Amino acid sequence: MDLVLEAADHHLLTPYVYPAGWPEGEPCRQLLSLFVITNLGALALYLLFGTLSYYFIFDHELKKHPQFLENQVRREICYALRSLPWISVPTVALFFAEVRGYSKLYDNIEDSPYGWSGVFLSMLSFLFFTDMGIYWIHRGLHHKLFYKRFHKPHHLWKIATPFASHAFHPVDGFMQSLPYHVYPFLFPLHKVTYLGLYIFVNVWTISIHDGDYRVPRFLRHVINGSAHHTDHHLYFDYNYGQYFTLWDKIGGSYKSPTSFEGKGPHDYLRKLREKDPGAPNGLPAPKSE
């Protein structure tokens, strides 16, 4: 994050925003800057990629599903916009620690003993580490002690749209992002790689809520895509993973997506139309919890 902060200081904050006598390395200034940058960045990623996904990928036929809520898109966006500033507070604290040099982030490829191969391996290890962490955190949030208070608001969206991707309770949203922020304090990671991965994980989170269930057949039971995550929203205690199905299989929570078996939301809508084109609720709704 210090790359973004440095660029913001150089091009905007120092010449146009802050008093000339306020040093760029002063902690209060860094915290304030990080808070603004983090919120603007999260908002931009969410609205830009969420909007693109909603209009160009999301199948709007899903809005006819009986479990799609009235005014759901507006409600998803409003919930996310209320939560993001609160999620950013502990996130900024971790970014501040990175900027102050407490992480293992490095600037130059030469600083890594493994060179470019180390960059590539760190990307893979980041994905597997965060997938493991999110799996167990997500599964823990389904425990009865935490579910109703923190995670249930996200399960309000049974048939989600891309805008549901960040519509979390603040505690839920931060806890599920925690592995992303912990990784560079434990393992070396190139700063540009980390920034790219941070953007990627936000886009991926949007993608598993986009209602596009297409996955190459040979990856259907390897990649945790929108079909898997849709069944998590509908059937509650399956498919907790983020990118892969590995930890669901290890933890006994893997469920082959109903969409791959002709029983998904699109198939449900088709059966409704076949049974009675004029009746929106011709069949009982799927079990949600």
Foldseek 3Di string as FASTA:
>chain_A
DVVVLVVCCVPPCCPDNDDVPDDSPDLVNLLVSLLVVQLVVLVCLLVVLLVCLQVPPFDCVLCLAPLNDDVNLVVLQVLLNVQRSLLVPVVSVLVSCVNVPLFQEDADQVVDPVRPVVQVVLLVVLQVQLQVQQLVLLLVCLPPVRVVPWPVQLLSGLLFALSSLRNGHSVSNNSSCVSLSVVRRPDYHYPVSSVVVVSVLSSLSSQLNHNRQDDPPVCQQFFNHVLQVSCCSAVPQADSGRTTCVVRVVVVRHDRGVVVVLRDSVSVQVVVCVVPVVDSPPDDDGHRD
